[in-house]
């Protein structure tokens, strides 16, 4: 089964994405910040991680740096979903190893389609 980890501190975004991916038969894991995500990643290996940047505790930039150091996650795709929309923010996200970068607000359908394309 395809697995996805959604890392965001906004409950409405998490619930909407969770619903959309469960409808597409994904196993969905949820984390509210980077430290929670890193805990989940100790025991789960998702195909894709949807990662917010501005979160309490450990932010998305710190989280992706730790994900990229983990050899067990080398095939896991990372997509940033962030309100940070300046080109320098997007550039930084991609330089840190993100496969895609979407700015909020975003189309749920587009995110689902992009995820499915990335893992095929």
PDB file of N, CA and C in Angstrom:
ATOM      1  N   UNK A   1       0.829  -1.194   0.000  1.00  0.00           N
ATOM      2  CA  UNK A   1       0.000   0.000   0.000  1.00  0.00           C
ATOM      3  C   UNK A   1       0.874   1.259   0.000  1.00  0.00           C
ATOM      4  N   UNK A   2       0.413   2.273  -0.722  1.00  0.00           N
ATOM      5  CA  UNK A   2       1.142   3.534  -0.766  1.00  0.00           C
ATOM      6  C   UNK A   2       0.957   4.269   0.554  1.00  0.00           C
ATOM      7  N   UNK A   3       2.045   4.874   1.034  1.00  0.00           N
ATOM      8  CA  UNK A   3       2.012   5.534   2.338  1.00  0.00           C
ATOM      9  C   UNK A   3       2.438   6.988   2.193  1.00  0.00           C
ATOM     10  N   UNK A   4       1.768   7.853   2.981  1.00  0.00           N
ATOM     11  CA  UNK A   4       2.101   9.268   2.961  1.00  0.00           C
ATOM     12  C   UNK A   4       2.129   9.807   4.386  1.00  0.00           C
ATOM     13  N   UNK A   5       3.090  10.674   4.658  1.00  0.00           N
ATOM     14  CA  UNK A   5       3.173  11.354   5.948  1.00  0.00           C
ATOM     15  C   UNK A   5       2.864  12.824   5.709  1.00  0.00           C
ATOM     16  N   UNK A   6       1.848  13.326   6.406  1.00  0.00           N
ATOM     17  CA  UNK A   6       1.463  14.735   6.296  1.00  0.00           C
ATOM     18  C   UNK A   6       1.957  15.446   7.553  1.00  0.00           C
ATOM     19  N   UNK A   7       2.821  16.442   7.357  1.00  0.00           N
ATOM     20  CA  UNK A   7       3.408  17.166   8.479  1.00  0.00           C
ATOM     21  C   UNK A   7       2.982  18.624   8.385  1.00  0.00           C
ATOM     22  N   UNK A   8       2.026  19.021   9.221  1.00  0.00           N
ATOM     23  CA  UNK A   8       1.517  20.393   9.193  1.00  0.00           C
ATOM     24  C   UNK A   8       0.860  20.680  10.535  1.00  0.00           C
ATOM     25  N   UNK A   9       0.964  21.928  10.983  1.00  0.00           N
ATOM     26  CA  UNK A   9       0.371  22.291  12.272  1.00  0.00           C
ATOM     27  C   UNK A   9      -1.012  22.935  12.125  1.00  0.00           C
ATOM     28  N   UNK A  10      -1.551  22.966  10.903  1.00  0.00           N
ATOM     29  CA  UNK A  10      -2.883  23.523  10.679  1.00  0.00           C
ATOM     30  C   UNK A  10      -3.887  22.375  10.517  1.00  0.00           C
ATOM     31  N   UNK A  11      -4.756  22.163  11.528  1.00  0.00           N
ATOM     32  CA  UNK A  11      -5.690  21.021  11.502  1.00  0.00           C
ATOM     33  C   UNK A  11      -6.561  20.946  10.250  1.00  0.00           C
ATOM     34  N   UNK A  12      -7.021  22.082   9.729  1.00  0.00           N
ATOM     35  CA  UNK A  12      -7.883  22.053   8.537  1.00  0.00           C
ATOM     36  C   UNK A  12      -7.151  21.491   7.328  1.00  0.00           C
ATOM     37  N   UNK A  13      -5.898  21.880   7.172  1.00  0.00           N
ATOM     38  CA  UNK A  13      -5.099  21.376   6.044  1.00  0.00           C
ATOM     39  C   UNK A  13      -4.865  19.881   6.214  1.00  0.00           C
ATOM     40  N   UNK A  14      -4.499  19.475   7.421  1.00  0.00           N
ATOM     41  CA  UNK A  14      -4.233  18.059   7.696  1.00  0.00           C
ATOM     42  C   UNK A  14      -5.476  17.212   7.408  1.00  0.00           C
ATOM     43  N   UNK A  15      -6.629  17.655   7.921  1.00  0.00           N
ATOM     44  CA  UNK A  15      -7.864  16.877   7.732  1.00  0.00           C
ATOM     45  C   UNK A  15      -8.240  16.774   6.255  1.00  0.00           C
ATOM     46  N   UNK A  16      -8.120  17.868   5.529  1.00  0.00           N
ATOM     47  CA  UNK A  16      -8.478  17.867   4.108  1.00  0.00           C
ATOM     48  C   UNK A  16      -7.557  16.945   3.311  1.00  0.00           C
ATOM     49  N   UNK A  17      -6.260  17.047   3.552  1.00  0.00           N
ATOM     50  CA  UNK A  17      -5.300  16.196   2.847  1.00  0.00           C
ATOM     51  C   UNK A  17      -5.482  14.726   3.233  1.00  0.00           C
ATOM     52  N   UNK A  18      -5.681  14.480   4.514  1.00  0.00           N
ATOM     53  CA  UNK A  18      -5.869  13.096   4.980  1.00  0.00           C
ATOM     54  C   UNK A  18      -7.070  12.463   4.263  1.00  0.00           C
ATOM     55  N   UNK A  19      -8.165  13.179   4.213  1.00  0.00           N
ATOM     56  CA  UNK A  19      -9.371  12.683   3.558  1.00  0.00           C
ATOM     57  C   UNK A  19      -9.106  12.388   2.075  1.00  0.00           C
ATOM     58  N   UNK A  20      -8.454  13.334   1.395  1.00  0.00           N
ATOM     59  CA  UNK A  20      -8.187  13.181  -0.044  1.00  0.00           C
ATOM     60  C   UNK A  20      -7.299  11.965  -0.323  1.00  0.00           C
ATOM     61  N   UNK A  21      -6.281  11.764   0.502  1.00  0.00           N
ATOM     62  CA  UNK A  21      -5.363  10.644   0.249  1.00  0.00           C
ATOM     63  C   UNK A  21      -5.955   9.302   0.668  1.00  0.00           C
ATOM     64  N   UNK A  22      -6.776   9.293   1.712  1.00  0.00           N
ATOM     65  CA  UNK A  22      -7.434   8.032   2.095  1.00  0.00           C
ATOM     66  C   UNK A  22      -8.405   7.591   0.998  1.00  0.00           C
ATOM     67  N   UNK A  23      -9.058   8.557   0.352  1.00  0.00           N
ATOM     68  CA  UNK A  23      -9.955   8.230  -0.761  1.00  0.00           C
ATOM     69  C   UNK A  23      -9.193   7.580  -1.920  1.00  0.00           C
ATOM     70  N   UNK A  24      -7.910   7.907  -2.040  1.00  0.00           N
ATOM     71  CA  UNK A  24      -7.067   7.339  -3.098  1.00  0.00           C
ATOM     72  C   UNK A  24      -6.306   6.101  -2.598  1.00  0.00           C
ATOM     73  N   UNK A  25      -6.773   5.534  -1.481  1.00  0.00           N
ATOM     74  CA  UNK A  25      -6.189   4.311  -0.907  1.00  0.00           C
ATOM     75  C   UNK A  25      -4.745   4.446  -0.437  1.00  0.00           C
ATOM     76  N   UNK A  26      -4.422   5.587   0.140  1.00  0.00           N
ATOM     77  CA  UNK A  26      -3.121   5.763   0.786  1.00  0.00           C
ATOM     78  C   UNK A  26      -3.270   5.430   2.268  1.00  0.00           C
ATOM     79  N   UNK A  27      -2.201   4.890   2.842  1.00  0.00           N
ATOM     80  CA  UNK A  27      -2.123   4.790   4.288  1.00  0.00           C
ATOM     81  C   UNK A  27      -1.558   6.142   4.726  1.00  0.00           C
ATOM     82  N   UNK A  28      -2.260   6.837   5.631  1.00  0.00           N
ATOM     83  CA  UNK A  28      -1.891   8.211   5.982  1.00  0.00           C
ATOM     84  C   UNK A  28      -1.383   8.294   7.415  1.00  0.00           C
ATOM     85  N   UNK A  29      -0.212   8.916   7.573  1.00  0.00           N
ATOM     86  CA  UNK A  29       0.331   9.212   8.898  1.00  0.00           C
ATOM     87  C   UNK A  29       0.292  10.730   9.065  1.00  0.00           C
ATOM     88  N   UNK A  30       0.095  11.184  10.308  1.00  0.00           N
ATOM     89  CA  UNK A  30      -0.038  12.609  10.580  1.00  0.00           C
ATOM     90  C   UNK A  30       0.968  13.036  11.645  1.00  0.00           C
ATOM     91  N   UNK A  31       1.625  14.177  11.410  1.00  0.00           N
ATOM     92  CA  UNK A  31       2.488  14.788  12.426  1.00  0.00           C
ATOM     93  C   UNK A  31       2.198  16.288  12.443  1.00  0.00           C
ATOM     94  N   UNK A  32       2.232  16.883  13.647  1.00  0.00           N
ATOM     95  CA  UNK A  32       1.925  18.310  13.767  1.00  0.00           C
ATOM     96  C   UNK A  32       3.162  19.194  13.739  1.00  0.00           C
ATOM     97  N   UNK A  33       4.339  18.575  13.786  1.00  0.00           N
ATOM     98  CA  UNK A  33       5.587  19.340  13.666  1.00  0.00           C
ATOM     99  C   UNK A  33       6.716  18.387  13.295  1.00  0.00           C
ATOM    100  N   UNK A  34       7.887  18.963  13.078  1.00  0.00           N
ATOM    101  CA  UNK A  34       9.021  18.169  12.615  1.00  0.00           C
ATOM    102  C   UNK A  34       9.455  17.085  13.589  1.00  0.00           C
ATOM    103  N   UNK A  35       9.423  17.397  14.892  1.00  0.00           N
ATOM    104  CA  UNK A  35       9.892  16.392  15.851  1.00  0.00           C
ATOM    105  C   UNK A  35       8.946  15.186  15.870  1.00  0.00           C
ATOM    106  N   UNK A  36       7.636  15.433  15.756  1.00  0.00           N
ATOM    107  CA  UNK A  36       6.664  14.339  15.686  1.00  0.00           C
ATOM    108  C   UNK A  36       6.884  13.523  14.410  1.00  0.00           C
ATOM    109  N   UNK A  37       7.170  14.215  13.307  1.00  0.00           N
ATOM    110  CA  UNK A  37       7.429  13.530  12.032  1.00  0.00           C
ATOM    111  C   UNK A  37       8.644  12.617  12.151  1.00  0.00           C
ATOM    112  N   UNK A  38       9.701  13.116  12.776  1.00  0.00           N
ATOM    113  CA  UNK A  38      10.923  12.327  12.903  1.00  0.00           C
ATOM    114  C   UNK A  38      10.691  11.089  13.781  1.00  0.00           C
ATOM    115  N   UNK A  39       9.825  11.208  14.784  1.00  0.00           N
ATOM    116  CA  UNK A  39       9.457  10.047  15.617  1.00  0.00           C
ATOM    117  C   UNK A  39       8.757   8.984  14.761  1.00  0.00           C
ATOM    118  N   UNK A  40       7.795   9.418  13.943  1.00  0.00           N
ATOM    119  CA  UNK A  40       7.053   8.492  13.081  1.00  0.00           C
ATOM    120  C   UNK A  40       8.009   7.810  12.101  1.00  0.00           C
ATOM    121  N   UNK A  41       8.974   8.571  11.580  1.00  0.00           N
ATOM    122  CA  UNK A  41       9.891   8.036  10.575  1.00  0.00           C
ATOM    123  C   UNK A  41      10.867   7.011  11.141  1.00  0.00           C
ATOM    124  N   UNK A  42      10.922   6.878  12.452  1.00  0.00           N
ATOM    125  CA  UNK A  42      11.761   5.835  13.053  1.00  0.00           C
ATOM    126  C   UNK A  42      11.164   4.451  12.802  1.00  0.00           C
ATOM    127  N   UNK A  43       9.828   4.403  12.621  1.00  0.00           N
ATOM    128  CA  UNK A  43       9.177   3.098  12.448  1.00  0.00           C
ATOM    129  C   UNK A  43       8.413   2.966  11.133  1.00  0.00           C
ATOM    130  N   UNK A  44       8.199   4.057  10.424  1.00  0.00           N
ATOM    131  CA  UNK A  44       7.435   4.019   9.171  1.00  0.00           C
ATOM    132  C   UNK A  44       8.291   4.585   8.035  1.00  0.00           C
ATOM    133  N   UNK A  45       8.092   4.029   6.835  1.00  0.00           N
ATOM    134  CA  UNK A  45       8.792   4.531   5.657  1.00  0.00           C
ATOM    135  C   UNK A  45       7.761   4.889   4.599  1.00  0.00           C
ATOM    136  N   UNK A  46       7.307   6.146   4.588  1.00  0.00           N
ATOM    137  CA  UNK A  46       6.303   6.540   3.591  1.00  0.00           C
ATOM    138  C   UNK A  46       6.926   6.705   2.206  1.00  0.00           C
ATOM    139  N   UNK A  47       6.071   6.642   1.186  1.00  0.00           N
ATOM    140  CA  UNK A  47       6.531   6.917  -0.178  1.00  0.00           C
ATOM    141  C   UNK A  47       6.755   8.418  -0.358  1.00  0.00           C
ATOM    142  N   UNK A  48       5.901   9.204   0.331  1.00  0.00           N
ATOM    143  CA  UNK A  48       5.928  10.663   0.178  1.00  0.00           C
ATOM    144  C   UNK A  48       5.717  11.327   1.537  1.00  0.00           C
ATOM    145  N   UNK A  49       6.405  12.458   1.718  1.00  0.00           N
ATOM    146  CA  UNK A  49       6.191  13.297   2.903  1.00  0.00           C
ATOM    147  C   UNK A  49       5.751  14.676   2.425  1.00  0.00           C
ATOM    148  N   UNK A  50       4.581  15.115   2.881  1.00  0.00           N
ATOM    149  CA  UNK A  50       4.122  16.485   2.629  1.00  0.00           C
ATOM    150  C   UNK A  50       4.536  17.287   3.855  1.00  0.00           C
ATOM    151  N   UNK A  51       5.343  18.319   3.645  1.00  0.00           N
ATOM    152  CA  UNK A  51       6.008  18.983   4.756  1.00  0.00           C
ATOM    153  C   UNK A  51       5.781  20.485   4.746  1.00  0.00           C
ATOM    154  N   UNK A  52       5.193  20.994   5.819  1.00  0.00           N
ATOM    155  CA  UNK A  52       5.058  22.435   6.009  1.00  0.00           C
ATOM    156  C   UNK A  52       6.416  22.976   6.464  1.00  0.00           C
ATOM    157  N   UNK A  53       6.635  24.284   6.318  1.00  0.00           N
ATOM    158  CA  UNK A  53       7.906  24.855   6.765  1.00  0.00           C
ATOM    159  C   UNK A  53       7.763  25.516   8.137  1.00  0.00           C
ATOM    160  N   UNK A  54       6.769  26.392   8.278  1.00  0.00           N
ATOM    161  CA  UNK A  54       6.633  27.139   9.528  1.00  0.00           C
ATOM    162  C   UNK A  54       5.805  26.345  10.540  1.00  0.00           C
ATOM    163  N   UNK A  55       6.535  25.669  11.452  1.00  0.00           N
ATOM    164  CA  UNK A  55       5.882  24.856  12.480  1.00  0.00           C
ATOM    165  C   UNK A  55       6.608  25.065  13.805  1.00  0.00           C
ATOM    166  N   UNK A  56       5.907  24.782  14.919  1.00  0.00           N
ATOM    167  CA  UNK A  56       6.583  24.873  16.227  1.00  0.00           C
ATOM    168  C   UNK A  56       7.633  23.766  16.350  1.00  0.00           C
ATOM    169  N   UNK A  57       8.469  23.874  17.350  1.00  0.00           N
ATOM    170  CA  UNK A  57       9.514  22.883  17.635  1.00  0.00           C
ATOM    171  C   UNK A  57      10.549  22.843  16.514  1.00  0.00           C
ATOM    172  N   UNK A  58      10.414  21.865  15.622  1.00  0.00           N
ATOM    173  CA  UNK A  58      11.373  21.674  14.532  1.00  0.00           C
ATOM    174  C   UNK A  58      10.690  22.099  13.230  1.00  0.00           C
ATOM    175  N   UNK A  59      11.242  23.085  12.527  1.00  0.00           N
ATOM    176  CA  UNK A  59      10.586  23.545  11.294  1.00  0.00           C
ATOM    177  C   UNK A  59      10.873  22.617  10.112  1.00  0.00           C
ATOM    178  N   UNK A  60      10.224  22.903   8.988  1.00  0.00           N
ATOM    179  CA  UNK A  60      10.348  22.042   7.815  1.00  0.00           C
ATOM    180  C   UNK A  60      11.758  21.967   7.246  1.00  0.00           C
ATOM    181  N   UNK A  61      12.482  23.089   7.296  1.00  0.00           N
ATOM    182  CA  UNK A  61      13.859  23.087   6.778  1.00  0.00           C
ATOM    183  C   UNK A  61      14.743  22.146   7.596  1.00  0.00           C
ATOM    184  N   UNK A  62      14.631  22.228   8.928  1.00  0.00           N
ATOM    185  CA  UNK A  62      15.419  21.338   9.791  1.00  0.00           C
ATOM    186  C   UNK A  62      14.998  19.885   9.580  1.00  0.00           C
ATOM    187  N   UNK A  63      13.699  19.680   9.410  1.00  0.00           N
ATOM    188  CA  UNK A  63      13.169  18.331   9.249  1.00  0.00           C
ATOM    189  C   UNK A  63      13.698  17.672   7.986  1.00  0.00           C
ATOM    190  N   UNK A  64      13.678  18.412   6.855  1.00  0.00           N
ATOM    191  CA  UNK A  64      14.152  17.795   5.600  1.00  0.00           C
ATOM    192  C   UNK A  64      15.641  17.488   5.675  1.00  0.00           C
ATOM    193  N   UNK A  65      16.404  18.332   6.358  1.00  0.00           N
ATOM    194  CA  UNK A  65      17.842  18.061   6.482  1.00  0.00           C
ATOM    195  C   UNK A  65      18.066  16.721   7.200  1.00  0.00           C
ATOM    196  N   UNK A  66      17.274  16.463   8.247  1.00  0.00           N
ATOM    197  CA  UNK A  66      17.402  15.204   8.986  1.00  0.00           C
ATOM    198  C   UNK A  66      16.872  14.024   8.170  1.00  0.00           C
ATOM    199  N   UNK A  67      15.803  14.242   7.407  1.00  0.00           N
ATOM    200  CA  UNK A  67      15.263  13.177   6.552  1.00  0.00           C
ATOM    201  C   UNK A  67      16.304  12.760   5.516  1.00  0.00           C
ATOM    202  N   UNK A  68      16.960  13.748   4.901  1.00  0.00           N
ATOM    203  CA  UNK A  68      17.930  13.459   3.836  1.00  0.00           C
ATOM    204  C   UNK A  68      19.170  12.741   4.355  1.00  0.00           C
ATOM    205  N   UNK A  69      19.438  12.839   5.658  1.00  0.00           N
ATOM    206  CA  UNK A  69      20.591  12.139   6.243  1.00  0.00           C
ATOM    207  C   UNK A  69      20.265  10.681   6.552  1.00  0.00           C
ATOM    208  N   UNK A  70      18.981  10.326   6.516  1.00  0.00           N
ATOM    209  CA  UNK A  70      18.543   8.977   6.880  1.00  0.00           C
ATOM    210  C   UNK A  70      18.537   8.078   5.636  1.00  0.00           C
ATOM    211  N   UNK A  71      19.463   7.144   5.586  1.00  0.00           N
ATOM    212  CA  UNK A  71      19.589   6.261   4.417  1.00  0.00           C
ATOM    213  C   UNK A  71      18.327   5.455   4.138  1.00  0.00           C
ATOM    214  N   UNK A  72      17.573   5.112   5.186  1.00  0.00           N
ATOM    215  CA  UNK A  72      16.344   4.329   5.018  1.00  0.00           C
ATOM    216  C   UNK A  72      15.275   5.122   4.251  1.00  0.00           C
ATOM    217  N   UNK A  73      15.436   6.432   4.212  1.00  0.00           N
ATOM    218  CA  UNK A  73      14.425   7.283   3.560  1.00  0.00           C
ATOM    219  C   UNK A  73      14.908   7.835   2.213  1.00  0.00           C
ATOM    220  N   UNK A  74      15.988   7.276   1.683  1.00  0.00           N
ATOM    221  CA  UNK A  74      16.556   7.868   0.470  1.00  0.00           C
ATOM    222  C   UNK A  74      15.617   7.829  -0.742  1.00  0.00           C
ATOM    223  N   UNK A  75      14.665   6.905  -0.764  1.00  0.00           N
ATOM    224  CA  UNK A  75      13.715   6.843  -1.880  1.00  0.00           C
ATOM    225  C   UNK A  75      12.397   7.575  -1.586  1.00  0.00           C
ATOM    226  N   UNK A  76      12.292   8.159  -0.394  1.00  0.00           N
ATOM    227  CA  UNK A  76      11.076   8.872  -0.016  1.00  0.00           C
ATOM    228  C   UNK A  76      11.082  10.263  -0.649  1.00  0.00           C
ATOM    229  N   UNK A  77       9.987  10.602  -1.309  1.00  0.00           N
ATOM    230  CA  UNK A  77       9.847  11.919  -1.930  1.00  0.00           C
ATOM    231  C   UNK A  77       9.372  12.918  -0.880  1.00  0.00           C
ATOM    232  N   UNK A  78       9.884  14.153  -0.964  1.00  0.00           N
ATOM    233  CA  UNK A  78       9.471  15.193  -0.026  1.00  0.00           C
ATOM    234  C   UNK A  78       8.903  16.368  -0.817  1.00  0.00           C
ATOM    235  N   UNK A  79       7.705  16.791  -0.419  1.00  0.00           N
ATOM    236  CA  UNK A  79       7.053  17.931  -1.061  1.00  0.00           C
ATOM    237  C   UNK A  79       6.777  18.978   0.015  1.00  0.00           C
ATOM    238  N   UNK A  80       7.296  20.185  -0.194  1.00  0.00           N
ATOM    239  CA  UNK A  80       6.986  21.271   0.732  1.00  0.00           C
ATOM    240  C   UNK A  80       5.629  21.867   0.393  1.00  0.00           C
ATOM    241  N   UNK A  81       4.819  22.131   1.416  1.00  0.00           N
ATOM    242  CA  UNK A  81       3.560  22.875   1.308  1.00  0.00           C
ATOM    243  C   UNK A  81       3.706  24.035   2.267  1.00  0.00           C
ATOM    244  N   UNK A  82       3.861  25.249   1.751  1.00  0.00           N
ATOM    245  CA  UNK A  82       4.162  26.345   2.655  1.00  0.00           C
ATOM    246  C   UNK A  82       3.533  27.660   2.231  1.00  0.00           C
ATOM    247  N   UNK A  83       3.279  28.516   3.220  1.00  0.00           N
ATOM    248  CA  UNK A  83       2.817  29.880   2.940  1.00  0.00           C
ATOM    249  C   UNK A  83       3.998  30.752   2.519  1.00  0.00           C
ATOM    250  N   UNK A  84       5.208  30.256   2.711  1.00  0.00           N
ATOM    251  CA  UNK A  84       6.407  31.013   2.304  1.00  0.00           C
ATOM    252  C   UNK A  84       6.527  30.921   0.786  1.00  0.00           C
ATOM    253  N   UNK A  85       6.201  32.023   0.110  1.00  0.00           N
ATOM    254  CA  UNK A  85       6.086  31.953  -1.350  1.00  0.00           C
ATOM    255  C   UNK A  85       7.149  32.759  -2.095  1.00  0.00           C
ATOM    256  N   UNK A  86       8.090  33.374  -1.385  1.00  0.00           N
ATOM    257  CA  UNK A  86       9.144  34.115  -2.082  1.00  0.00           C
ATOM    258  C   UNK A  86      10.025  33.128  -2.849  1.00  0.00           C
ATOM    259  N   UNK A  87      10.560  33.575  -3.968  1.00  0.00           N
ATOM    260  CA  UNK A  87      11.380  32.657  -4.771  1.00  0.00           C
ATOM    261  C   UNK A  87      12.582  32.157  -3.973  1.00  0.00           C
ATOM    262  N   UNK A  88      13.094  32.973  -3.046  1.00  0.00           N
ATOM    263  CA  UNK A  88      14.236  32.521  -2.229  1.00  0.00           C
ATOM    264  C   UNK A  88      13.823  31.370  -1.308  1.00  0.00           C
ATOM    265  N   UNK A  89      12.573  31.393  -0.825  1.00  0.00           N
ATOM    266  CA  UNK A  89      12.078  30.299   0.021  1.00  0.00           C
ATOM    267  C   UNK A  89      11.952  29.014  -0.793  1.00  0.00           C
ATOM    268  N   UNK A  90      11.379  29.143  -1.989  1.00  0.00           N
ATOM    269  CA  UNK A  90      11.199  27.985  -2.869  1.00  0.00           C
ATOM    270  C   UNK A  90      12.568  27.399  -3.219  1.00  0.00           C
ATOM    271  N   UNK A  91      13.502  28.291  -3.573  1.00  0.00           N
ATOM    272  CA  UNK A  91      14.851  27.860  -3.928  1.00  0.00           C
ATOM    273  C   UNK A  91      15.513  27.104  -2.774  1.00  0.00           C
ATOM    274  N   UNK A  92      15.385  27.658  -1.569  1.00  0.00           N
ATOM    275  CA  UNK A  92      15.984  27.006  -0.396  1.00  0.00           C
ATOM    276  C   UNK A  92      15.391  25.616  -0.196  1.00  0.00           C
ATOM    277  N   UNK A  93      14.060  25.508  -0.310  1.00  0.00           N
ATOM    278  CA  UNK A  93      13.407  24.212  -0.146  1.00  0.00           C
ATOM    279  C   UNK A  93      13.911  23.185  -1.137  1.00  0.00           C
ATOM    280  N   UNK A  94      14.054  23.598  -2.396  1.00  0.00           N
ATOM    281  CA  UNK A  94      14.523  22.671  -3.428  1.00  0.00           C
ATOM    282  C   UNK A  94      16.000  22.334  -3.226  1.00  0.00           C
ATOM    283  N   UNK A  95      16.796  23.321  -2.805  1.00  0.00           N
ATOM    284  CA  UNK A  95      18.220  23.059  -2.554  1.00  0.00           C
ATOM    285  C   UNK A  95      18.412  22.069  -1.407  1.00  0.00           C
ATOM    286  N   UNK A  96      17.508  22.106  -0.441  1.00  0.00           N
ATOM    287  CA  UNK A  96      17.610  21.172   0.693  1.00  0.00           C
ATOM    288  C   UNK A  96      17.166  19.763   0.310  1.00  0.00           C
ATOM    289  N   UNK A  97      16.637  19.609  -0.895  1.00  0.00           N
ATOM    290  CA  UNK A  97      16.319  18.267  -1.364  1.00  0.00           C
ATOM    291  C   UNK A  97      14.854  17.962  -1.615  1.00  0.00           C
ATOM    292  N   UNK A  98      13.987  18.976  -1.519  1.00  0.00           N
ATOM    293  CA  UNK A  98      12.567  18.727  -1.796  1.00  0.00           C
ATOM    294  C   UNK A  98      12.382  18.379  -3.266  1.00  0.00           C
ATOM    295  N   UNK A  99      11.451  17.473  -3.545  1.00  0.00           N
ATOM    296  CA  UNK A  99      11.152  17.089  -4.925  1.00  0.00           C
ATOM    297  C   UNK A  99      10.207  18.091  -5.576  1.00  0.00           C
ATOM    298  N   UNK A 100       9.349  18.713  -4.759  1.00  0.00           N
ATOM    299  CA  UNK A 100       8.393  19.720  -5.250  1.00  0.00           C
ATOM    300  C   UNK A 100       8.175  20.735  -4.146  1.00  0.00           C
ATOM    301  N   UNK A 101       7.634  21.895  -4.538  1.00  0.00           N
ATOM    302  CA  UNK A 101       7.346  22.959  -3.566  1.00  0.00           C
ATOM    303  C   UNK A 101       6.050  23.620  -3.993  1.00  0.00           C
ATOM    304  N   UNK A 102       5.032  23.546  -3.122  1.00  0.00           N
ATOM    305  CA  UNK A 102       3.749  24.193  -3.407  1.00  0.00           C
ATOM    306  C   UNK A 102       3.498  25.279  -2.373  1.00  0.00           C
ATOM    307  N   UNK A 103       2.956  26.393  -2.832  1.00  0.00           N
ATOM    308  CA  UNK A 103       2.630  27.459  -1.893  1.00  0.00           C
ATOM    309  C   UNK A 103       1.151  27.400  -1.542  1.00  0.00           C
ATOM    310  N   UNK A 104       0.858  27.783  -0.298  1.00  0.00           N
ATOM    311  CA  UNK A 104      -0.528  27.834   0.180  1.00  0.00           C
ATOM    312  C   UNK A 104      -1.124  29.172  -0.253  1.00  0.00           C
ATOM    313  N   UNK A 105      -2.393  29.232  -0.571  1.00  0.00           N
ATOM    314  CA  UNK A 105      -3.324  28.112  -0.681  1.00  0.00           C
ATOM    315  C   UNK A 105      -3.025  27.292  -1.937  1.00  0.00           C
ATOM    316  N   UNK A 106      -3.385  26.021  -1.922  1.00  0.00           N
ATOM    317  CA  UNK A 106      -3.108  25.131  -3.043  1.00  0.00           C
ATOM    318  C   UNK A 106      -4.355  24.326  -3.377  1.00  0.00           C
ATOM    319  N   UNK A 107      -4.330  23.712  -4.540  1.00  0.00           N
ATOM    320  CA  UNK A 107      -5.426  22.854  -4.972  1.00  0.00           C
ATOM    321  C   UNK A 107      -5.166  21.432  -4.464  1.00  0.00           C
ATOM    322  N   UNK A 108      -6.112  20.895  -3.696  1.00  0.00           N
ATOM    323  CA  UNK A 108      -5.975  19.527  -3.174  1.00  0.00           C
ATOM    324  C   UNK A 108      -5.832  18.544  -4.331  1.00  0.00           C
ATOM    325  N   UNK A 109      -6.653  18.719  -5.376  1.00  0.00           N
ATOM    326  CA  UNK A 109      -6.600  17.814  -6.524  1.00  0.00           C
ATOM    327  C   UNK A 109      -5.209  17.825  -7.160  1.00  0.00           C
ATOM    328  N   UNK A 110      -4.622  19.024  -7.263  1.00  0.00           N
ATOM    329  CA  UNK A 110      -3.294  19.130  -7.875  1.00  0.00           C
ATOM    330  C   UNK A 110      -2.243  18.425  -7.009  1.00  0.00           C
ATOM    331  N   UNK A 111      -2.340  18.590  -5.699  1.00  0.00           N
ATOM    332  CA  UNK A 111      -1.388  17.929  -4.791  1.00  0.00           C
ATOM    333  C   UNK A 111      -1.501  16.415  -4.936  1.00  0.00           C
ATOM    334  N   UNK A 112      -2.722  15.896  -4.921  1.00  0.00           N
ATOM    335  CA  UNK A 112      -2.938  14.446  -5.047  1.00  0.00           C
ATOM    336  C   UNK A 112      -2.366  13.949  -6.379  1.00  0.00           C
ATOM    337  N   UNK A 113      -2.641  14.668  -7.460  1.00  0.00           N
ATOM    338  CA  UNK A 113      -2.132  14.269  -8.780  1.00  0.00           C
ATOM    339  C   UNK A 113      -0.597  14.281  -8.799  1.00  0.00           C
ATOM    340  N   UNK A 114       0.004  15.318  -8.246  1.00  0.00           N
ATOM    341  CA  UNK A 114       1.478  15.421  -8.223  1.00  0.00           C
ATOM    342  C   UNK A 114       2.098  14.271  -7.419  1.00  0.00           C
ATOM    343  N   UNK A 115       1.485  13.953  -6.286  1.00  0.00           N
ATOM    344  CA  UNK A 115       1.996  12.853  -5.452  1.00  0.00           C
ATOM    345  C   UNK A 115       1.919  11.540  -6.225  1.00  0.00           C
ATOM    346  N   UNK A 116       0.774  11.313  -6.857  1.00  0.00           N
ATOM    347  CA  UNK A 116       0.627  10.058  -7.608  1.00  0.00           C
ATOM    348  C   UNK A 116       1.625   9.974  -8.756  1.00  0.00           C
ATOM    349  N   UNK A 117       1.891  11.104  -9.430  1.00  0.00           N
ATOM    350  CA  UNK A 117       2.894  11.117 -10.503  1.00  0.00           C
ATOM    351  C   UNK A 117       4.293  10.832  -9.959  1.00  0.00           C
ATOM    352  N   UNK A 118       4.616  11.444  -8.830  1.00  0.00           N
ATOM    353  CA  UNK A 118       5.955  11.286  -8.249  1.00  0.00           C
ATOM    354  C   UNK A 118       6.282   9.845  -7.881  1.00  0.00           C
ATOM    355  N   UNK A 119       5.278   9.091  -7.454  1.00  0.00           N
ATOM    356  CA  UNK A 119       5.584   7.737  -6.969  1.00  0.00           C
ATOM    357  C   UNK A 119       5.276   6.650  -7.990  1.00  0.00           C
ATOM    358  N   UNK A 120       4.944   7.011  -9.192  1.00  0.00           N
ATOM    359  CA  UNK A 120       4.712   5.990 -10.237  1.00  0.00           C
ATOM    360  C   UNK A 120       5.971   5.681 -10.986  1.00  0.00           C
TER     361      UNK A 120
END
